[in-house]
């Protein structure tokens, strides 16, 4: 038959059933019903989870958006019966303490991630450090404040922005370590072997190949860590306390948005309550910006 097809140039018919399978959607198929039910259930759960988020954002925009102004972002908090005012010092204090936390946690976190991913991934120290980092991700923030209060605040004899930054760094560090480690593990083994094969030392391979390639993932971890600690209040109650004045040095108490919200929301004055709503909206916007940056900077470059 093959010779006949070659001579005539015709393909012989294939015996048997050549009909195409029926791919039409059938409700009699149990898998189709289960797929529809599970898909609808997932959408329902997603919508239910979005209800509190949307309601909180709506309240913040309605209650706090009406007070947003340049004066609000540059003035000092008012006294009890005063009107107007702002929380510029709280914004500065929050950014300063988050900057201190980032300056501490980023270098230590990246170095720890290098050891966990490249130098000693299976060593006893590496396994212990990885376990402790995972434990610290669920560490109560108020305990970080109590620890820094006992170690730093009592030693300095005063509350300070420095102590607040150290407390926030304890909460930010595990996020940076674990995210940076996973980013370095995603670097292809072939790239590392190629660098070592052309004569690079392990240090050169890490510095020239691993870190640049994993940089988007590392930056994502840093932004997520910053977004987490930016809204913390419990550790700052024990470390930075609060101040109604501009920050002049890091060794003195300083204001923060989270503590300002905590203080003003419990006051019986309408002006302070409105400032608390506006500060809540600003804090949410700051966290949102850091989350968006983590998405944009962590996007793979192709």
C-alpha atoms as a PDB file:
ATOM      1  CA  UNK A   1       0.000   0.000   0.000  1.00  0.00           C
ATOM      2  CA  UNK A   2       2.895   2.309   0.679  1.00  0.00           C
ATOM      3  CA  UNK A   3       4.283   1.675  -2.819  1.00  0.00           C
ATOM      4  CA  UNK A   4       0.878   2.371  -4.346  1.00  0.00           C
ATOM      5  CA  UNK A   5       0.637   5.677  -2.506  1.00  0.00           C
ATOM      6  CA  UNK A   6       4.111   6.642  -3.697  1.00  0.00           C
ATOM      7  CA  UNK A   7       3.278   5.795  -7.329  1.00  0.00           C
ATOM      8  CA  UNK A   8      -0.108   7.482  -7.472  1.00  0.00           C
ATOM      9  CA  UNK A   9       0.649  10.388  -5.140  1.00  0.00           C
ATOM     10  CA  UNK A  10      -2.519   9.693  -3.235  1.00  0.00           C
ATOM     11  CA  UNK A  11      -2.815   8.930   0.448  1.00  0.00           C
ATOM     12  CA  UNK A  12      -4.943   5.851   1.059  1.00  0.00           C
ATOM     13  CA  UNK A  13      -7.930   6.287   3.355  1.00  0.00           C
ATOM     14  CA  UNK A  14      -7.401   5.401   6.993  1.00  0.00           C
ATOM     15  CA  UNK A  15      -9.668   2.672   8.169  1.00  0.00           C
ATOM     16  CA  UNK A  16     -11.532   2.982  11.434  1.00  0.00           C
ATOM     17  CA  UNK A  17     -13.407   5.789  13.176  1.00  0.00           C
ATOM     18  CA  UNK A  18     -12.061   9.171  12.047  1.00  0.00           C
ATOM     19  CA  UNK A  19     -14.721  11.347  13.646  1.00  0.00           C
ATOM     20  CA  UNK A  20     -13.456  14.238  15.817  1.00  0.00           C
ATOM     21  CA  UNK A  21     -14.198  14.060  19.553  1.00  0.00           C
ATOM     22  CA  UNK A  22     -17.124  16.066  20.869  1.00  0.00           C
ATOM     23  CA  UNK A  23     -15.656  18.992  22.792  1.00  0.00           C
ATOM     24  CA  UNK A  24     -18.958  20.712  23.451  1.00  0.00           C
ATOM     25  CA  UNK A  25     -19.712  21.725  27.048  1.00  0.00           C
ATOM     26  CA  UNK A  26     -22.025  19.187  28.646  1.00  0.00           C
ATOM     27  CA  UNK A  27     -23.801  19.780  31.951  1.00  0.00           C
ATOM     28  CA  UNK A  28     -24.160  16.037  32.335  1.00  0.00           C
ATOM     29  CA  UNK A  29     -20.428  15.821  32.988  1.00  0.00           C
ATOM     30  CA  UNK A  30     -19.758  15.992  36.725  1.00  0.00           C
ATOM     31  CA  UNK A  31     -16.370  17.640  36.199  1.00  0.00           C
ATOM     32  CA  UNK A  32     -17.982  20.515  34.305  1.00  0.00           C
ATOM     33  CA  UNK A  33     -20.437  21.096  37.137  1.00  0.00           C
ATOM     34  CA  UNK A  34     -17.650  20.949  39.733  1.00  0.00           C
ATOM     35  CA  UNK A  35     -15.584  23.414  37.697  1.00  0.00           C
ATOM     36  CA  UNK A  36     -18.447  25.913  37.526  1.00  0.00           C
ATOM     37  CA  UNK A  37     -19.223  25.575  41.238  1.00  0.00           C
ATOM     38  CA  UNK A  38     -15.589  25.955  42.320  1.00  0.00           C
ATOM     39  CA  UNK A  39     -15.036  28.922  39.999  1.00  0.00           C
ATOM     40  CA  UNK A  40     -18.155  30.641  41.288  1.00  0.00           C
ATOM     41  CA  UNK A  41     -17.145  29.903  44.871  1.00  0.00           C
ATOM     42  CA  UNK A  42     -13.704  31.406  44.316  1.00  0.00           C
ATOM     43  CA  UNK A  43     -15.206  34.587  42.862  1.00  0.00           C
ATOM     44  CA  UNK A  44     -17.679  34.794  45.756  1.00  0.00           C
ATOM     45  CA  UNK A  45     -14.913  34.468  48.344  1.00  0.00           C
ATOM     46  CA  UNK A  46     -12.825  37.081  46.522  1.00  0.00           C
ATOM     47  CA  UNK A  47     -15.753  39.507  46.499  1.00  0.00           C
ATOM     48  CA  UNK A  48     -16.462  38.913  50.193  1.00  0.00           C
ATOM     49  CA  UNK A  49     -12.800  39.523  51.010  1.00  0.00           C
ATOM     50  CA  UNK A  50     -12.862  42.749  48.998  1.00  0.00           C
ATOM     51  CA  UNK A  51     -15.873  44.156  50.870  1.00  0.00           C
ATOM     52  CA  UNK A  52     -14.003  45.208  54.062  1.00  0.00           C
ATOM     53  CA  UNK A  53     -11.051  46.485  52.037  1.00  0.00           C
ATOM     54  CA  UNK A  54     -13.219  48.622  49.775  1.00  0.00           C
ATOM     55  CA  UNK A  55     -15.293  49.877  52.722  1.00  0.00           C
ATOM     56  CA  UNK A  56     -12.178  50.934  54.658  1.00  0.00           C
ATOM     57  CA  UNK A  57     -10.735  52.706  51.631  1.00  0.00           C
ATOM     58  CA  UNK A  58     -14.080  54.420  51.013  1.00  0.00           C
ATOM     59  CA  UNK A  59     -14.269  55.667  54.599  1.00  0.00           C
ATOM     60  CA  UNK A  60     -10.671  56.901  54.502  1.00  0.00           C
ATOM     61  CA  UNK A  61     -11.247  58.791  51.252  1.00  0.00           C
ATOM     62  CA  UNK A  62     -14.526  60.315  52.425  1.00  0.00           C
ATOM     63  CA  UNK A  63     -13.441  61.184  55.965  1.00  0.00           C
ATOM     64  CA  UNK A  64      -9.784  62.019  55.389  1.00  0.00           C
ATOM     65  CA  UNK A  65      -9.700  63.177  51.787  1.00  0.00           C
ATOM     66  CA  UNK A  66     -11.567  66.389  52.581  1.00  0.00           C
ATOM     67  CA  UNK A  67      -8.756  67.515  54.926  1.00  0.00           C
ATOM     68  CA  UNK A  68      -5.834  66.845  52.607  1.00  0.00           C
ATOM     69  CA  UNK A  69      -3.906  70.010  51.826  1.00  0.00           C
ATOM     70  CA  UNK A  70      -0.370  71.346  51.704  1.00  0.00           C
ATOM     71  CA  UNK A  71      -0.861  72.872  55.154  1.00  0.00           C
ATOM     72  CA  UNK A  72      -1.793  69.468  56.540  1.00  0.00           C
ATOM     73  CA  UNK A  73       1.459  67.958  55.290  1.00  0.00           C
ATOM     74  CA  UNK A  74       3.727  70.740  56.521  1.00  0.00           C
ATOM     75  CA  UNK A  75       2.291  72.018  59.828  1.00  0.00           C
ATOM     76  CA  UNK A  76       2.756  70.722  63.358  1.00  0.00           C
ATOM     77  CA  UNK A  77      -0.027  68.979  65.313  1.00  0.00           C
ATOM     78  CA  UNK A  78      -2.402  71.387  67.068  1.00  0.00           C
ATOM     79  CA  UNK A  79      -3.102  71.555  70.777  1.00  0.00           C
ATOM     80  CA  UNK A  80      -6.367  70.313  72.253  1.00  0.00           C
ATOM     81  CA  UNK A  81      -8.784  73.179  71.535  1.00  0.00           C
ATOM     82  CA  UNK A  82      -6.929  74.558  68.496  1.00  0.00           C
ATOM     83  CA  UNK A  83      -8.209  74.184  64.963  1.00  0.00           C
ATOM     84  CA  UNK A  84      -6.237  73.508  61.811  1.00  0.00           C
ATOM     85  CA  UNK A  85      -2.720  72.166  62.109  1.00  0.00           C
ATOM     86  CA  UNK A  86      -1.221  69.138  60.438  1.00  0.00           C
ATOM     87  CA  UNK A  87       1.188  66.268  60.904  1.00  0.00           C
ATOM     88  CA  UNK A  88       4.264  67.113  58.852  1.00  0.00           C
ATOM     89  CA  UNK A  89       6.559  66.117  61.697  1.00  0.00           C
ATOM     90  CA  UNK A  90       4.879  62.693  61.879  1.00  0.00           C
ATOM     91  CA  UNK A  91       5.522  62.092  58.175  1.00  0.00           C
ATOM     92  CA  UNK A  92       9.174  63.068  58.596  1.00  0.00           C
ATOM     93  CA  UNK A  93       9.519  60.905  61.709  1.00  0.00           C
ATOM     94  CA  UNK A  94       7.965  57.894  59.964  1.00  0.00           C
ATOM     95  CA  UNK A  95      10.258  58.231  56.945  1.00  0.00           C
ATOM     96  CA  UNK A  96      13.342  58.695  59.139  1.00  0.00           C
ATOM     97  CA  UNK A  97      12.631  55.611  61.243  1.00  0.00           C
ATOM     98  CA  UNK A  98      11.803  53.515  58.188  1.00  0.00           C
ATOM     99  CA  UNK A  99      15.054  54.747  56.617  1.00  0.00           C
ATOM    100  CA  UNK A 100      17.011  53.695  59.725  1.00  0.00           C
ATOM    101  CA  UNK A 101      15.325  50.293  59.632  1.00  0.00           C
ATOM    102  CA  UNK A 102      16.181  49.883  55.947  1.00  0.00           C
ATOM    103  CA  UNK A 103      19.805  50.961  56.512  1.00  0.00           C
ATOM    104  CA  UNK A 104      20.154  48.246  59.155  1.00  0.00           C
ATOM    105  CA  UNK A 105      18.135  45.399  57.652  1.00  0.00           C
ATOM    106  CA  UNK A 106      19.140  45.633  53.975  1.00  0.00           C
ATOM    107  CA  UNK A 107      22.915  44.985  54.302  1.00  0.00           C
ATOM    108  CA  UNK A 108      22.521  42.387  57.062  1.00  0.00           C
ATOM    109  CA  UNK A 109      19.595  40.765  55.268  1.00  0.00           C
ATOM    110  CA  UNK A 110      21.364  40.514  51.911  1.00  0.00           C
ATOM    111  CA  UNK A 111      24.560  39.165  53.519  1.00  0.00           C
ATOM    112  CA  UNK A 112      22.535  36.569  55.408  1.00  0.00           C
ATOM    113  CA  UNK A 113      20.727  35.624  52.198  1.00  0.00           C
ATOM    114  CA  UNK A 114      24.070  35.192  50.399  1.00  0.00           C
ATOM    115  CA  UNK A 115      25.214  32.784  53.093  1.00  0.00           C
ATOM    116  CA  UNK A 116      21.915  30.868  53.096  1.00  0.00           C
ATOM    117  CA  UNK A 117      21.745  30.514  49.315  1.00  0.00           C
ATOM    118  CA  UNK A 118      25.388  30.209  48.234  1.00  0.00           C
ATOM    119  CA  UNK A 119      27.882  29.691  51.039  1.00  0.00           C
ATOM    120  CA  UNK A 120      26.187  27.435  53.555  1.00  0.00           C
ATOM    121  CA  UNK A 121      22.709  26.417  52.398  1.00  0.00           C
ATOM    122  CA  UNK A 122      22.918  22.991  54.063  1.00  0.00           C
ATOM    123  CA  UNK A 123      25.140  23.898  56.993  1.00  0.00           C
ATOM    124  CA  UNK A 124      23.802  23.637  60.521  1.00  0.00           C
ATOM    125  CA  UNK A 125      24.155  27.396  60.980  1.00  0.00           C
ATOM    126  CA  UNK A 126      22.318  28.013  57.722  1.00  0.00           C
ATOM    127  CA  UNK A 127      19.413  25.753  58.664  1.00  0.00           C
ATOM    128  CA  UNK A 128      19.169  27.393  62.085  1.00  0.00           C
ATOM    129  CA  UNK A 129      19.266  30.904  60.598  1.00  0.00           C
ATOM    130  CA  UNK A 130      16.611  30.018  58.028  1.00  0.00           C
ATOM    131  CA  UNK A 131      14.354  28.563  60.718  1.00  0.00           C
ATOM    132  CA  UNK A 132      14.767  31.608  62.965  1.00  0.00           C
ATOM    133  CA  UNK A 133      14.024  33.935  60.041  1.00  0.00           C
ATOM    134  CA  UNK A 134      10.769  32.110  59.371  1.00  0.00           C
ATOM    135  CA  UNK A 135       9.881  32.290  63.061  1.00  0.00           C
ATOM    136  CA  UNK A 136      10.582  36.037  63.095  1.00  0.00           C
ATOM    137  CA  UNK A 137       8.102  36.616  60.257  1.00  0.00           C
ATOM    138  CA  UNK A 138       5.333  35.902  62.771  1.00  0.00           C
ATOM    139  CA  UNK A 139       7.066  37.608  65.683  1.00  0.00           C
ATOM    140  CA  UNK A 140       4.639  39.939  67.557  1.00  0.00           C
ATOM    141  CA  UNK A 141       5.674  43.495  66.826  1.00  0.00           C
ATOM    142  CA  UNK A 142       5.089  44.660  70.381  1.00  0.00           C
ATOM    143  CA  UNK A 143       7.709  42.193  71.629  1.00  0.00           C
ATOM    144  CA  UNK A 144      10.245  43.776  69.289  1.00  0.00           C
ATOM    145  CA  UNK A 145       9.457  47.103  70.924  1.00  0.00           C
ATOM    146  CA  UNK A 146       9.837  45.657  74.421  1.00  0.00           C
ATOM    147  CA  UNK A 147      13.178  44.081  73.492  1.00  0.00           C
ATOM    148  CA  UNK A 148      14.582  47.308  72.029  1.00  0.00           C
ATOM    149  CA  UNK A 149      13.225  49.251  75.002  1.00  0.00           C
ATOM    150  CA  UNK A 150      15.200  47.019  77.373  1.00  0.00           C
ATOM    151  CA  UNK A 151      18.375  47.015  75.279  1.00  0.00           C
ATOM    152  CA  UNK A 152      18.486  50.477  73.664  1.00  0.00           C
ATOM    153  CA  UNK A 153      16.065  52.883  75.354  1.00  0.00           C
ATOM    154  CA  UNK A 154      17.170  52.080  78.881  1.00  0.00           C
ATOM    155  CA  UNK A 155      20.831  52.245  77.841  1.00  0.00           C
ATOM    156  CA  UNK A 156      20.368  55.639  76.144  1.00  0.00           C
ATOM    157  CA  UNK A 157      18.127  56.939  78.908  1.00  0.00           C
ATOM    158  CA  UNK A 158      15.582  58.341  76.452  1.00  0.00           C
ATOM    159  CA  UNK A 159      13.140  57.414  73.749  1.00  0.00           C
ATOM    160  CA  UNK A 160      14.504  58.134  70.295  1.00  0.00           C
ATOM    161  CA  UNK A 161      14.016  57.783  66.569  1.00  0.00           C
ATOM    162  CA  UNK A 162      17.107  55.560  66.533  1.00  0.00           C
ATOM    163  CA  UNK A 163      15.486  53.086  68.927  1.00  0.00           C
ATOM    164  CA  UNK A 164      12.322  53.144  66.827  1.00  0.00           C
ATOM    165  CA  UNK A 165      14.306  52.407  63.674  1.00  0.00           C
ATOM    166  CA  UNK A 166      16.093  49.491  65.361  1.00  0.00           C
ATOM    167  CA  UNK A 167      12.767  48.024  66.474  1.00  0.00           C
ATOM    168  CA  UNK A 168      11.380  48.297  62.947  1.00  0.00           C
ATOM    169  CA  UNK A 169      14.530  46.706  61.522  1.00  0.00           C
ATOM    170  CA  UNK A 170      13.893  43.579  63.613  1.00  0.00           C
ATOM    171  CA  UNK A 171      10.515  43.244  61.904  1.00  0.00           C
ATOM    172  CA  UNK A 172      11.846  44.045  58.445  1.00  0.00           C
ATOM    173  CA  UNK A 173      14.924  41.801  58.557  1.00  0.00           C
ATOM    174  CA  UNK A 174      13.270  38.357  58.104  1.00  0.00           C
ATOM    175  CA  UNK A 175      11.294  39.562  55.075  1.00  0.00           C
ATOM    176  CA  UNK A 176      14.480  40.802  53.408  1.00  0.00           C
ATOM    177  CA  UNK A 177      16.410  37.623  54.242  1.00  0.00           C
ATOM    178  CA  UNK A 178      13.838  35.132  52.980  1.00  0.00           C
ATOM    179  CA  UNK A 179      12.904  37.086  49.855  1.00  0.00           C
ATOM    180  CA  UNK A 180      16.534  37.749  48.897  1.00  0.00           C
ATOM    181  CA  UNK A 181      17.418  34.095  49.459  1.00  0.00           C
ATOM    182  CA  UNK A 182      14.649  32.924  47.143  1.00  0.00           C
ATOM    183  CA  UNK A 183      15.678  35.503  44.530  1.00  0.00           C
ATOM    184  CA  UNK A 184      19.285  34.240  44.604  1.00  0.00           C
ATOM    185  CA  UNK A 185      18.140  30.631  44.331  1.00  0.00           C
ATOM    186  CA  UNK A 186      16.276  31.549  41.146  1.00  0.00           C
ATOM    187  CA  UNK A 187      19.532  32.497  39.424  1.00  0.00           C
ATOM    188  CA  UNK A 188      20.249  29.632  36.955  1.00  0.00           C
ATOM    189  CA  UNK A 189      22.933  27.210  38.051  1.00  0.00           C
ATOM    190  CA  UNK A 190      24.458  27.367  34.565  1.00  0.00           C
ATOM    191  CA  UNK A 191      25.242  31.071  34.978  1.00  0.00           C
ATOM    192  CA  UNK A 192      27.048  30.399  38.255  1.00  0.00           C
ATOM    193  CA  UNK A 193      28.971  27.445  36.824  1.00  0.00           C
ATOM    194  CA  UNK A 194      29.937  29.484  33.759  1.00  0.00           C
ATOM    195  CA  UNK A 195      31.360  32.245  35.953  1.00  0.00           C
ATOM    196  CA  UNK A 196      33.344  29.746  37.988  1.00  0.00           C
ATOM    197  CA  UNK A 197      34.430  27.971  34.822  1.00  0.00           C
ATOM    198  CA  UNK A 198      36.097  31.057  33.361  1.00  0.00           C
ATOM    199  CA  UNK A 199      38.150  31.546  36.505  1.00  0.00           C
ATOM    200  CA  UNK A 200      35.987  33.716  38.783  1.00  0.00           C
ATOM    201  CA  UNK A 201      36.271  33.167  42.491  1.00  0.00           C
ATOM    202  CA  UNK A 202      33.109  32.449  44.456  1.00  0.00           C
ATOM    203  CA  UNK A 203      33.130  36.012  45.755  1.00  0.00           C
ATOM    204  CA  UNK A 204      33.382  37.400  42.228  1.00  0.00           C
ATOM    205  CA  UNK A 205      30.637  35.057  41.060  1.00  0.00           C
ATOM    206  CA  UNK A 206      28.314  36.251  43.826  1.00  0.00           C
ATOM    207  CA  UNK A 207      29.162  39.931  43.300  1.00  0.00           C
ATOM    208  CA  UNK A 208      29.140  39.970  39.491  1.00  0.00           C
ATOM    209  CA  UNK A 209      26.516  37.343  38.638  1.00  0.00           C
ATOM    210  CA  UNK A 210      24.219  36.378  41.503  1.00  0.00           C
ATOM    211  CA  UNK A 211      23.505  39.788  43.036  1.00  0.00           C
ATOM    212  CA  UNK A 212      22.891  41.676  39.742  1.00  0.00           C
ATOM    213  CA  UNK A 213      20.650  38.911  38.432  1.00  0.00           C
ATOM    214  CA  UNK A 214      18.680  38.618  41.675  1.00  0.00           C
ATOM    215  CA  UNK A 215      18.450  42.388  42.192  1.00  0.00           C
ATOM    216  CA  UNK A 216      14.776  42.754  41.147  1.00  0.00           C
ATOM    217  CA  UNK A 217      13.737  40.077  43.639  1.00  0.00           C
ATOM    218  CA  UNK A 218      15.891  41.613  46.369  1.00  0.00           C
ATOM    219  CA  UNK A 219      14.349  45.037  45.779  1.00  0.00           C
ATOM    220  CA  UNK A 220      10.897  43.454  45.934  1.00  0.00           C
ATOM    221  CA  UNK A 221      11.704  41.993  49.343  1.00  0.00           C
ATOM    222  CA  UNK A 222      13.002  45.345  50.559  1.00  0.00           C
ATOM    223  CA  UNK A 223       9.871  47.169  49.406  1.00  0.00           C
ATOM    224  CA  UNK A 224       7.605  44.572  51.013  1.00  0.00           C
ATOM    225  CA  UNK A 225       9.557  44.864  54.259  1.00  0.00           C
ATOM    226  CA  UNK A 226       9.275  48.651  54.173  1.00  0.00           C
ATOM    227  CA  UNK A 227       5.544  48.436  53.473  1.00  0.00           C
ATOM    228  CA  UNK A 228       5.130  46.155  56.471  1.00  0.00           C
ATOM    229  CA  UNK A 229       6.945  48.286  59.036  1.00  0.00           C
ATOM    230  CA  UNK A 230       5.707  51.664  57.807  1.00  0.00           C
ATOM    231  CA  UNK A 231       2.375  51.229  59.581  1.00  0.00           C
ATOM    232  CA  UNK A 232       3.629  49.637  62.800  1.00  0.00           C
ATOM    233  CA  UNK A 233       2.644  51.368  66.019  1.00  0.00           C
ATOM    234  CA  UNK A 234       3.164  48.942  68.920  1.00  0.00           C
ATOM    235  CA  UNK A 235       6.988  48.893  68.815  1.00  0.00           C
ATOM    236  CA  UNK A 236       7.138  52.684  68.479  1.00  0.00           C
ATOM    237  CA  UNK A 237       5.164  53.153  71.693  1.00  0.00           C
ATOM    238  CA  UNK A 238       8.087  51.597  73.577  1.00  0.00           C
ATOM    239  CA  UNK A 239      10.927  53.128  71.570  1.00  0.00           C
ATOM    240  CA  UNK A 240      10.165  56.435  69.799  1.00  0.00           C
ATOM    241  CA  UNK A 241       7.142  57.528  71.849  1.00  0.00           C
ATOM    242  CA  UNK A 242       5.831  60.801  70.319  1.00  0.00           C
ATOM    243  CA  UNK A 243       6.666  64.460  69.883  1.00  0.00           C
ATOM    244  CA  UNK A 244       4.772  67.555  68.808  1.00  0.00           C
ATOM    245  CA  UNK A 245       7.874  69.120  67.298  1.00  0.00           C
ATOM    246  CA  UNK A 246      10.090  68.623  64.280  1.00  0.00           C
ATOM    247  CA  UNK A 247      12.809  66.005  64.534  1.00  0.00           C
ATOM    248  CA  UNK A 248      16.223  67.645  65.015  1.00  0.00           C
ATOM    249  CA  UNK A 249      18.349  64.571  65.826  1.00  0.00           C
ATOM    250  CA  UNK A 250      17.772  60.833  65.916  1.00  0.00           C
ATOM    251  CA  UNK A 251      18.561  60.595  69.636  1.00  0.00           C
ATOM    252  CA  UNK A 252      15.312  62.289  70.709  1.00  0.00           C
ATOM    253  CA  UNK A 253      11.644  61.198  70.724  1.00  0.00           C
ATOM    254  CA  UNK A 254       9.905  61.673  67.425  1.00  0.00           C
ATOM    255  CA  UNK A 255       6.394  61.627  66.007  1.00  0.00           C
ATOM    256  CA  UNK A 256       5.076  58.970  63.655  1.00  0.00           C
ATOM    257  CA  UNK A 257       1.874  58.629  61.673  1.00  0.00           C
ATOM    258  CA  UNK A 258       0.743  55.447  63.408  1.00  0.00           C
ATOM    259  CA  UNK A 259       1.155  56.885  66.928  1.00  0.00           C
ATOM    260  CA  UNK A 260      -0.473  60.162  65.863  1.00  0.00           C
ATOM    261  CA  UNK A 261      -3.495  58.200  64.622  1.00  0.00           C
ATOM    262  CA  UNK A 262      -3.575  56.268  67.897  1.00  0.00           C
ATOM    263  CA  UNK A 263      -3.410  59.438  69.988  1.00  0.00           C
ATOM    264  CA  UNK A 264      -5.757  61.665  67.998  1.00  0.00           C
ATOM    265  CA  UNK A 265      -8.460  59.050  67.394  1.00  0.00           C
ATOM    266  CA  UNK A 266      -9.130  58.807  71.136  1.00  0.00           C
ATOM    267  CA  UNK A 267      -9.372  62.574  71.721  1.00  0.00           C
ATOM    268  CA  UNK A 268     -12.781  64.273  72.217  1.00  0.00           C
ATOM    269  CA  UNK A 269     -11.935  67.059  69.743  1.00  0.00           C
ATOM    270  CA  UNK A 270     -13.394  67.030  66.239  1.00  0.00           C
ATOM    271  CA  UNK A 271     -10.312  68.618  64.691  1.00  0.00           C
ATOM    272  CA  UNK A 272      -7.978  65.924  66.034  1.00  0.00           C
ATOM    273  CA  UNK A 273     -10.330  63.166  64.901  1.00  0.00           C
ATOM    274  CA  UNK A 274     -10.366  64.598  61.382  1.00  0.00           C
ATOM    275  CA  UNK A 275      -6.569  64.777  61.439  1.00  0.00           C
ATOM    276  CA  UNK A 276      -6.499  61.108  62.470  1.00  0.00           C
ATOM    277  CA  UNK A 277      -8.624  60.220  59.431  1.00  0.00           C
ATOM    278  CA  UNK A 278      -6.380  62.247  57.134  1.00  0.00           C
ATOM    279  CA  UNK A 279      -3.227  60.698  58.642  1.00  0.00           C
ATOM    280  CA  UNK A 280      -4.718  57.233  58.124  1.00  0.00           C
ATOM    281  CA  UNK A 281      -5.296  58.018  54.457  1.00  0.00           C
ATOM    282  CA  UNK A 282      -1.734  59.316  54.032  1.00  0.00           C
ATOM    283  CA  UNK A 283      -0.314  56.223  55.743  1.00  0.00           C
ATOM    284  CA  UNK A 284      -2.332  53.925  53.484  1.00  0.00           C
ATOM    285  CA  UNK A 285      -1.099  55.838  50.432  1.00  0.00           C
ATOM    286  CA  UNK A 286       2.518  55.492  51.599  1.00  0.00           C
ATOM    287  CA  UNK A 287       2.108  51.731  52.055  1.00  0.00           C
ATOM    288  CA  UNK A 288       0.356  51.504  48.681  1.00  0.00           C
ATOM    289  CA  UNK A 289       3.243  53.307  46.976  1.00  0.00           C
ATOM    290  CA  UNK A 290       5.780  50.881  48.439  1.00  0.00           C
ATOM    291  CA  UNK A 291       3.671  47.902  47.352  1.00  0.00           C
ATOM    292  CA  UNK A 292       3.377  49.261  43.818  1.00  0.00           C
ATOM    293  CA  UNK A 293       7.120  49.867  43.704  1.00  0.00           C
ATOM    294  CA  UNK A 294       7.737  46.281  44.771  1.00  0.00           C
ATOM    295  CA  UNK A 295       5.569  45.103  41.883  1.00  0.00           C
ATOM    296  CA  UNK A 296       7.216  47.350  39.312  1.00  0.00           C
ATOM    297  CA  UNK A 297      10.815  46.825  40.427  1.00  0.00           C
ATOM    298  CA  UNK A 298      10.329  43.087  40.900  1.00  0.00           C
ATOM    299  CA  UNK A 299       8.978  42.593  37.377  1.00  0.00           C
ATOM    300  CA  UNK A 300      11.394  40.426  35.338  1.00  0.00           C
ATOM    301  CA  UNK A 301      13.235  42.278  32.575  1.00  0.00           C
ATOM    302  CA  UNK A 302      12.923  40.440  29.263  1.00  0.00           C
END
